[in-house]
């Protein structure tokens, strides 16, 4: 249960940060947070597929989540237009 809560919190922070980084790609704070949680999953999958490992711990998880959320926000922004 703690792992799921940790993933949600990190994903929410990552979504918020990615929304700030992606100018014009934001959907509002709530949707950005949800996309951040999804982005964390996408980031983990992407980095595992590429064989890339960022730092360990919370900072590595946050960086992975922000990058994954930015990818998700970018793709979602393509459909928004």
PDB file of N, CA and C in Angstrom:
ATOM      1  N   UNK A   1       0.824  -1.193   0.000  1.00  0.00           N
ATOM      2  CA  UNK A   1       0.000   0.000   0.000  1.00  0.00           C
ATOM      3  C   UNK A   1       0.867   1.255   0.000  1.00  0.00           C
ATOM      4  N   UNK A   2       1.980   1.219   0.727  1.00  0.00           N
ATOM      5  CA  UNK A   2       2.862   2.385   0.783  1.00  0.00           C
ATOM      6  C   UNK A   2       3.481   2.666  -0.575  1.00  0.00           C
ATOM      7  N   UNK A   3       3.781   1.614  -1.333  1.00  0.00           N
ATOM      8  CA  UNK A   3       4.366   1.777  -2.667  1.00  0.00           C
ATOM      9  C   UNK A   3       3.414   2.477  -3.618  1.00  0.00           C
ATOM     10  N   UNK A   4       2.148   2.149  -3.532  1.00  0.00           N
ATOM     11  CA  UNK A   4       1.150   2.785  -4.389  1.00  0.00           C
ATOM     12  C   UNK A   4       0.992   4.252  -4.017  1.00  0.00           C
ATOM     13  N   UNK A   5       0.935   4.550  -2.732  1.00  0.00           N
ATOM     14  CA  UNK A   5       0.819   5.933  -2.278  1.00  0.00           C
ATOM     15  C   UNK A   5       2.053   6.734  -2.686  1.00  0.00           C
ATOM     16  N   UNK A   6       3.222   6.140  -2.548  1.00  0.00           N
ATOM     17  CA  UNK A   6       4.476   6.784  -2.964  1.00  0.00           C
ATOM     18  C   UNK A   6       4.433   7.110  -4.455  1.00  0.00           C
ATOM     19  N   UNK A   7       3.988   6.149  -5.273  1.00  0.00           N
ATOM     20  CA  UNK A   7       3.908   6.358  -6.716  1.00  0.00           C
ATOM     21  C   UNK A   7       2.928   7.464  -7.069  1.00  0.00           C
ATOM     22  N   UNK A   8       1.819   7.534  -6.378  1.00  0.00           N
ATOM     23  CA  UNK A   8       0.822   8.573  -6.639  1.00  0.00           C
ATOM     24  C   UNK A   8       1.378   9.948  -6.282  1.00  0.00           C
ATOM     25  N   UNK A   9       2.037  10.057  -5.138  1.00  0.00           N
ATOM     26  CA  UNK A   9       2.589  11.347  -4.712  1.00  0.00           C
ATOM     27  C   UNK A   9       3.701  11.797  -5.660  1.00  0.00           C
ATOM     28  N   UNK A  10       4.623  10.902  -5.989  1.00  0.00           N
ATOM     29  CA  UNK A  10       5.701  11.246  -6.916  1.00  0.00           C
ATOM     30  C   UNK A  10       5.123  11.596  -8.284  1.00  0.00           C
ATOM     31  N   UNK A  11       4.153  10.832  -8.757  1.00  0.00           N
ATOM     32  CA  UNK A  11       3.510  11.106 -10.042  1.00  0.00           C
ATOM     33  C   UNK A  11       2.787  12.438 -10.047  1.00  0.00           C
ATOM     34  N   UNK A  12       2.143  12.773  -8.944  1.00  0.00           N
ATOM     35  CA  UNK A  12       1.442  14.055  -8.855  1.00  0.00           C
ATOM     36  C   UNK A  12       2.427  15.214  -8.916  1.00  0.00           C
ATOM     37  N   UNK A  13       3.518  15.109  -8.196  1.00  0.00           N
ATOM     38  CA  UNK A  13       4.535  16.162  -8.222  1.00  0.00           C
ATOM     39  C   UNK A  13       5.157  16.244  -9.617  1.00  0.00           C
ATOM     40  N   UNK A  14       5.434  15.099 -10.209  1.00  0.00           N
ATOM     41  CA  UNK A  14       6.017  15.066 -11.555  1.00  0.00           C
ATOM     42  C   UNK A  14       5.067  15.679 -12.575  1.00  0.00           C
ATOM     43  N   UNK A  15       3.798  15.398 -12.474  1.00  0.00           N
ATOM     44  CA  UNK A  15       2.808  15.978 -13.387  1.00  0.00           C
ATOM     45  C   UNK A  15       2.717  17.477 -13.248  1.00  0.00           C
ATOM     46  N   UNK A  16       2.763  17.949 -12.036  1.00  0.00           N
ATOM     47  CA  UNK A  16       2.727  19.388 -11.801  1.00  0.00           C
ATOM     48  C   UNK A  16       3.970  20.054 -12.389  1.00  0.00           C
ATOM     49  N   UNK A  17       5.143  19.466 -12.135  1.00  0.00           N
ATOM     50  CA  UNK A  17       6.390  20.022 -12.679  1.00  0.00           C
ATOM     51  C   UNK A  17       6.412  19.969 -14.203  1.00  0.00           C
ATOM     52  N   UNK A  18       5.968  18.869 -14.774  1.00  0.00           N
ATOM     53  CA  UNK A  18       5.944  18.751 -16.236  1.00  0.00           C
ATOM     54  C   UNK A  18       4.981  19.764 -16.839  1.00  0.00           C
ATOM     55  N   UNK A  19       3.869  20.018 -16.174  1.00  0.00           N
ATOM     56  CA  UNK A  19       2.925  21.034 -16.643  1.00  0.00           C
ATOM     57  C   UNK A  19       3.550  22.414 -16.652  1.00  0.00           C
ATOM     58  N   UNK A  20       4.403  22.679 -15.666  1.00  0.00           N
ATOM     59  CA  UNK A  20       5.111  23.964 -15.620  1.00  0.00           C
ATOM     60  C   UNK A  20       6.165  24.052 -16.717  1.00  0.00           C
ATOM     61  N   UNK A  21       6.819  22.927 -17.016  1.00  0.00           N
ATOM     62  CA  UNK A  21       7.875  22.905 -18.032  1.00  0.00           C
ATOM     63  C   UNK A  21       7.332  22.954 -19.457  1.00  0.00           C
ATOM     64  N   UNK A  22       6.184  22.340 -19.674  1.00  0.00           N
ATOM     65  CA  UNK A  22       5.612  22.245 -21.019  1.00  0.00           C
ATOM     66  C   UNK A  22       4.700  23.440 -21.262  1.00  0.00           C
ATOM     67  N   UNK A  23       5.264  24.503 -21.760  1.00  0.00           N
ATOM     68  CA  UNK A  23       4.469  25.710 -22.022  1.00  0.00           C
ATOM     69  C   UNK A  23       3.466  25.417 -23.129  1.00  0.00           C
ATOM     70  N   UNK A  24       2.222  25.752 -22.865  1.00  0.00           N
ATOM     71  CA  UNK A  24       1.171  25.497 -23.837  1.00  0.00           C
ATOM     72  C   UNK A  24       0.681  24.060 -23.830  1.00  0.00           C
ATOM     73  N   UNK A  25       1.310  23.200 -23.047  1.00  0.00           N
ATOM     74  CA  UNK A  25       0.910  21.796 -23.019  1.00  0.00           C
ATOM     75  C   UNK A  25       0.082  21.445 -21.817  1.00  0.00           C
ATOM     76  N   UNK A  26      -0.183  22.431 -20.974  1.00  0.00           N
ATOM     77  CA  UNK A  26      -0.900  22.151 -19.748  1.00  0.00           C
ATOM     78  C   UNK A  26      -2.388  21.997 -19.963  1.00  0.00           C
ATOM     79  N   UNK A  27      -2.987  21.210 -19.108  1.00  0.00           N
ATOM     80  CA  UNK A  27      -4.423  20.971 -19.165  1.00  0.00           C
ATOM     81  C   UNK A  27      -5.107  21.398 -17.871  1.00  0.00           C
ATOM     82  N   UNK A  28      -4.410  22.080 -17.023  1.00  0.00           N
ATOM     83  CA  UNK A  28      -4.915  22.398 -15.704  1.00  0.00           C
ATOM     84  C   UNK A  28      -4.249  21.492 -14.687  1.00  0.00           C
ATOM     85  N   UNK A  29      -4.205  21.931 -13.474  1.00  0.00           N
ATOM     86  CA  UNK A  29      -3.413  21.237 -12.454  1.00  0.00           C
ATOM     87  C   UNK A  29      -3.908  19.815 -12.200  1.00  0.00           C
ATOM     88  N   UNK A  30      -5.215  19.596 -12.157  1.00  0.00           N
ATOM     89  CA  UNK A  30      -5.734  18.258 -11.848  1.00  0.00           C
ATOM     90  C   UNK A  30      -5.389  17.264 -12.956  1.00  0.00           C
ATOM     91  N   UNK A  31      -5.614  17.644 -14.195  1.00  0.00           N
ATOM     92  CA  UNK A  31      -5.302  16.738 -15.310  1.00  0.00           C
ATOM     93  C   UNK A  31      -3.799  16.538 -15.419  1.00  0.00           C
ATOM     94  N   UNK A  32      -3.010  17.590 -15.179  1.00  0.00           N
ATOM     95  CA  UNK A  32      -1.557  17.448 -15.199  1.00  0.00           C
ATOM     96  C   UNK A  32      -1.089  16.449 -14.146  1.00  0.00           C
ATOM     97  N   UNK A  33      -1.699  16.480 -12.982  1.00  0.00           N
ATOM     98  CA  UNK A  33      -1.343  15.527 -11.920  1.00  0.00           C
ATOM     99  C   UNK A  33      -1.689  14.101 -12.345  1.00  0.00           C
ATOM    100  N   UNK A  34      -2.869  13.924 -12.924  1.00  0.00           N
ATOM    101  CA  UNK A  34      -3.267  12.589 -13.389  1.00  0.00           C
ATOM    102  C   UNK A  34      -2.325  12.123 -14.496  1.00  0.00           C
ATOM    103  N   UNK A  35      -2.007  13.020 -15.430  1.00  0.00           N
ATOM    104  CA  UNK A  35      -1.077  12.666 -16.498  1.00  0.00           C
ATOM    105  C   UNK A  35       0.320  12.407 -15.943  1.00  0.00           C
ATOM    106  N   UNK A  36       0.666  13.055 -14.838  1.00  0.00           N
ATOM    107  CA  UNK A  36       1.948  12.801 -14.189  1.00  0.00           C
ATOM    108  C   UNK A  36       2.026  11.403 -13.610  1.00  0.00           C
ATOM    109  N   UNK A  37       0.946  10.940 -13.045  1.00  0.00           N
ATOM    110  CA  UNK A  37       0.907   9.581 -12.511  1.00  0.00           C
ATOM    111  C   UNK A  37       1.057   8.584 -13.657  1.00  0.00           C
ATOM    112  N   UNK A  38       0.328   8.813 -14.748  1.00  0.00           N
ATOM    113  CA  UNK A  38       0.474   7.974 -15.939  1.00  0.00           C
ATOM    114  C   UNK A  38       1.887   8.124 -16.505  1.00  0.00           C
ATOM    115  N   UNK A  39       2.413   9.350 -16.483  1.00  0.00           N
ATOM    116  CA  UNK A  39       3.757   9.615 -16.990  1.00  0.00           C
ATOM    117  C   UNK A  39       4.831   8.874 -16.225  1.00  0.00           C
ATOM    118  N   UNK A  40       4.631   8.680 -14.943  1.00  0.00           N
ATOM    119  CA  UNK A  40       5.585   7.896 -14.155  1.00  0.00           C
ATOM    120  C   UNK A  40       5.688   6.471 -14.671  1.00  0.00           C
ATOM    121  N   UNK A  41       4.557   5.902 -15.016  1.00  0.00           N
ATOM    122  CA  UNK A  41       4.535   4.549 -15.577  1.00  0.00           C
ATOM    123  C   UNK A  41       5.209   4.550 -16.950  1.00  0.00           C
ATOM    124  N   UNK A  42       4.867   5.559 -17.760  1.00  0.00           N
ATOM    125  CA  UNK A  42       5.460   5.664 -19.093  1.00  0.00           C
ATOM    126  C   UNK A  42       6.971   5.867 -18.991  1.00  0.00           C
ATOM    127  N   UNK A  43       7.409   6.732 -18.080  1.00  0.00           N
ATOM    128  CA  UNK A  43       8.837   6.974 -17.895  1.00  0.00           C
ATOM    129  C   UNK A  43       9.584   5.726 -17.482  1.00  0.00           C
ATOM    130  N   UNK A  44       9.024   4.970 -16.547  1.00  0.00           N
ATOM    131  CA  UNK A  44       9.653   3.711 -16.126  1.00  0.00           C
ATOM    132  C   UNK A  44       9.754   2.735 -17.291  1.00  0.00           C
ATOM    133  N   UNK A  45       8.675   2.605 -18.056  1.00  0.00           N
ATOM    134  CA  UNK A  45       8.685   1.711 -19.204  1.00  0.00           C
ATOM    135  C   UNK A  45       9.717   2.166 -20.238  1.00  0.00           C
ATOM    136  N   UNK A  46       9.727   3.464 -20.529  1.00  0.00           N
ATOM    137  CA  UNK A  46      10.634   4.014 -21.534  1.00  0.00           C
ATOM    138  C   UNK A  46      12.094   3.786 -21.154  1.00  0.00           C
ATOM    139  N   UNK A  47      12.443   4.116 -19.917  1.00  0.00           N
ATOM    140  CA  UNK A  47      13.834   3.961 -19.490  1.00  0.00           C
ATOM    141  C   UNK A  47      14.242   2.497 -19.385  1.00  0.00           C
ATOM    142  N   UNK A  48      13.327   1.630 -18.946  1.00  0.00           N
ATOM    143  CA  UNK A  48      13.636   0.197 -18.902  1.00  0.00           C
ATOM    144  C   UNK A  48      13.842  -0.358 -20.303  1.00  0.00           C
ATOM    145  N   UNK A  49      13.023   0.087 -21.258  1.00  0.00           N
ATOM    146  CA  UNK A  49      13.152  -0.361 -22.638  1.00  0.00           C
ATOM    147  C   UNK A  49      14.479   0.078 -23.240  1.00  0.00           C
ATOM    148  N   UNK A  50      14.887   1.316 -22.939  1.00  0.00           N
ATOM    149  CA  UNK A  50      16.138   1.848 -23.465  1.00  0.00           C
ATOM    150  C   UNK A  50      17.354   1.374 -22.678  1.00  0.00           C
ATOM    151  N   UNK A  51      17.130   0.742 -21.540  1.00  0.00           N
ATOM    152  CA  UNK A  51      18.227   0.273 -20.701  1.00  0.00           C
ATOM    153  C   UNK A  51      18.936   1.410 -19.975  1.00  0.00           C
ATOM    154  N   UNK A  52      18.214   2.492 -19.762  1.00  0.00           N
ATOM    155  CA  UNK A  52      18.771   3.668 -19.092  1.00  0.00           C
ATOM    156  C   UNK A  52      18.300   3.667 -17.643  1.00  0.00           C
ATOM    157  N   UNK A  53      19.199   4.025 -16.755  1.00  0.00           N
ATOM    158  CA  UNK A  53      18.846   4.131 -15.343  1.00  0.00           C
ATOM    159  C   UNK A  53      19.267   5.503 -14.826  1.00  0.00           C
ATOM    160  N   UNK A  54      18.310   6.232 -14.322  1.00  0.00           N
ATOM    161  CA  UNK A  54      18.631   7.501 -13.688  1.00  0.00           C
ATOM    162  C   UNK A  54      19.056   7.219 -12.251  1.00  0.00           C
ATOM    163  N   UNK A  55      19.214   8.228 -11.490  1.00  0.00           N
ATOM    164  CA  UNK A  55      19.634   8.065 -10.095  1.00  0.00           C
ATOM    165  C   UNK A  55      18.651   7.190  -9.327  1.00  0.00           C
ATOM    166  N   UNK A  56      19.153   6.593  -8.271  1.00  0.00           N
ATOM    167  CA  UNK A  56      18.295   5.812  -7.389  1.00  0.00           C
ATOM    168  C   UNK A  56      17.574   6.740  -6.428  1.00  0.00           C
ATOM    169  N   UNK A  57      16.541   6.234  -5.825  1.00  0.00           N
ATOM    170  CA  UNK A  57      15.841   6.972  -4.785  1.00  0.00           C
ATOM    171  C   UNK A  57      14.772   7.902  -5.323  1.00  0.00           C
ATOM    172  N   UNK A  58      14.345   8.784  -4.440  1.00  0.00           N
ATOM    173  CA  UNK A  58      13.239   9.667  -4.740  1.00  0.00           C
ATOM    174  C   UNK A  58      13.552  10.635  -5.876  1.00  0.00           C
ATOM    175  N   UNK A  59      14.783  11.158  -5.933  1.00  0.00           N
ATOM    176  CA  UNK A  59      15.152  12.098  -6.982  1.00  0.00           C
ATOM    177  C   UNK A  59      15.113  11.401  -8.347  1.00  0.00           C
ATOM    178  N   UNK A  60      15.634  10.196  -8.438  1.00  0.00           N
ATOM    179  CA  UNK A  60      15.578   9.433  -9.684  1.00  0.00           C
ATOM    180  C   UNK A  60      14.151   9.133 -10.108  1.00  0.00           C
ATOM    181  N   UNK A  61      13.319   8.765  -9.141  1.00  0.00           N
ATOM    182  CA  UNK A  61      11.905   8.510  -9.428  1.00  0.00           C
ATOM    183  C   UNK A  61      11.218   9.770  -9.919  1.00  0.00           C
ATOM    184  N   UNK A  62      11.540  10.893  -9.295  1.00  0.00           N
ATOM    185  CA  UNK A  62      10.929  12.164  -9.683  1.00  0.00           C
ATOM    186  C   UNK A  62      11.371  12.570 -11.092  1.00  0.00           C
ATOM    187  N   UNK A  63      12.653  12.425 -11.395  1.00  0.00           N
ATOM    188  CA  UNK A  63      13.142  12.745 -12.743  1.00  0.00           C
ATOM    189  C   UNK A  63      12.496  11.846 -13.798  1.00  0.00           C
ATOM    190  N   UNK A  64      12.397  10.574 -13.497  1.00  0.00           N
ATOM    191  CA  UNK A  64      11.737   9.645 -14.411  1.00  0.00           C
ATOM    192  C   UNK A  64      10.285  10.042 -14.623  1.00  0.00           C
ATOM    193  N   UNK A  65       9.609  10.398 -13.543  1.00  0.00           N
ATOM    194  CA  UNK A  65       8.211  10.809 -13.630  1.00  0.00           C
ATOM    195  C   UNK A  65       8.026  12.097 -14.415  1.00  0.00           C
ATOM    196  N   UNK A  66       8.912  13.066 -14.207  1.00  0.00           N
ATOM    197  CA  UNK A  66       8.801  14.344 -14.921  1.00  0.00           C
ATOM    198  C   UNK A  66       9.015  14.123 -16.417  1.00  0.00           C
ATOM    199  N   UNK A  67      10.024  13.349 -16.772  1.00  0.00           N
ATOM    200  CA  UNK A  67      10.287  13.082 -18.194  1.00  0.00           C
ATOM    201  C   UNK A  67       9.128  12.302 -18.811  1.00  0.00           C
ATOM    202  N   UNK A  68       8.647  11.292 -18.112  1.00  0.00           N
ATOM    203  CA  UNK A  68       7.506  10.520 -18.615  1.00  0.00           C
ATOM    204  C   UNK A  68       6.253  11.377 -18.730  1.00  0.00           C
ATOM    205  N   UNK A  69       6.017  12.238 -17.744  1.00  0.00           N
ATOM    206  CA  UNK A  69       4.847  13.124 -17.785  1.00  0.00           C
ATOM    207  C   UNK A  69       4.967  14.129 -18.914  1.00  0.00           C
ATOM    208  N   UNK A  70       6.182  14.629 -19.165  1.00  0.00           N
ATOM    209  CA  UNK A  70       6.385  15.563 -20.275  1.00  0.00           C
ATOM    210  C   UNK A  70       6.071  14.887 -21.604  1.00  0.00           C
ATOM    211  N   UNK A  71       6.474  13.620 -21.743  1.00  0.00           N
ATOM    212  CA  UNK A  71       6.162  12.871 -22.963  1.00  0.00           C
ATOM    213  C   UNK A  71       4.655  12.708 -23.099  1.00  0.00           C
ATOM    214  N   UNK A  72       3.996  12.334 -22.010  1.00  0.00           N
ATOM    215  CA  UNK A  72       2.540  12.149 -22.039  1.00  0.00           C
ATOM    216  C   UNK A  72       1.849  13.478 -22.342  1.00  0.00           C
ATOM    217  N   UNK A  73       2.286  14.573 -21.723  1.00  0.00           N
ATOM    218  CA  UNK A  73       1.688  15.886 -21.993  1.00  0.00           C
ATOM    219  C   UNK A  73       1.911  16.306 -23.440  1.00  0.00           C
ATOM    220  N   UNK A  74       3.079  16.024 -23.987  1.00  0.00           N
ATOM    221  CA  UNK A  74       3.354  16.351 -25.376  1.00  0.00           C
ATOM    222  C   UNK A  74       2.400  15.608 -26.304  1.00  0.00           C
ATOM    223  N   UNK A  75       2.273  14.297 -26.089  1.00  0.00           N
ATOM    224  CA  UNK A  75       1.381  13.482 -26.924  1.00  0.00           C
ATOM    225  C   UNK A  75      -0.071  13.918 -26.737  1.00  0.00           C
ATOM    226  N   UNK A  76      -0.479  14.170 -25.508  1.00  0.00           N
ATOM    227  CA  UNK A  76      -1.848  14.626 -25.254  1.00  0.00           C
ATOM    228  C   UNK A  76      -2.086  15.990 -25.907  1.00  0.00           C
ATOM    229  N   UNK A  77      -1.065  16.849 -25.920  1.00  0.00           N
ATOM    230  CA  UNK A  77      -1.192  18.148 -26.571  1.00  0.00           C
ATOM    231  C   UNK A  77      -1.392  18.037 -28.066  1.00  0.00           C
ATOM    232  N   UNK A  78      -0.869  16.990 -28.675  1.00  0.00           N
ATOM    233  CA  UNK A  78      -1.089  16.772 -30.108  1.00  0.00           C
ATOM    234  C   UNK A  78      -2.557  16.498 -30.397  1.00  0.00           C
ATOM    235  N   UNK A  79      -3.215  15.815 -29.480  1.00  0.00           N
ATOM    236  CA  UNK A  79      -4.641  15.508 -29.659  1.00  0.00           C
ATOM    237  C   UNK A  79      -5.536  16.669 -29.253  1.00  0.00           C
ATOM    238  N   UNK A  80      -5.015  17.569 -28.437  1.00  0.00           N
ATOM    239  CA  UNK A  80      -5.790  18.709 -27.959  1.00  0.00           C
ATOM    240  C   UNK A  80      -6.064  19.698 -29.078  1.00  0.00           C
ATOM    241  N   UNK A  81      -5.124  19.807 -29.997  1.00  0.00           N
ATOM    242  CA  UNK A  81      -5.257  20.776 -31.093  1.00  0.00           C
ATOM    243  C   UNK A  81      -6.175  20.275 -32.115  1.00  0.00           C
TER     244      UNK A  81
END
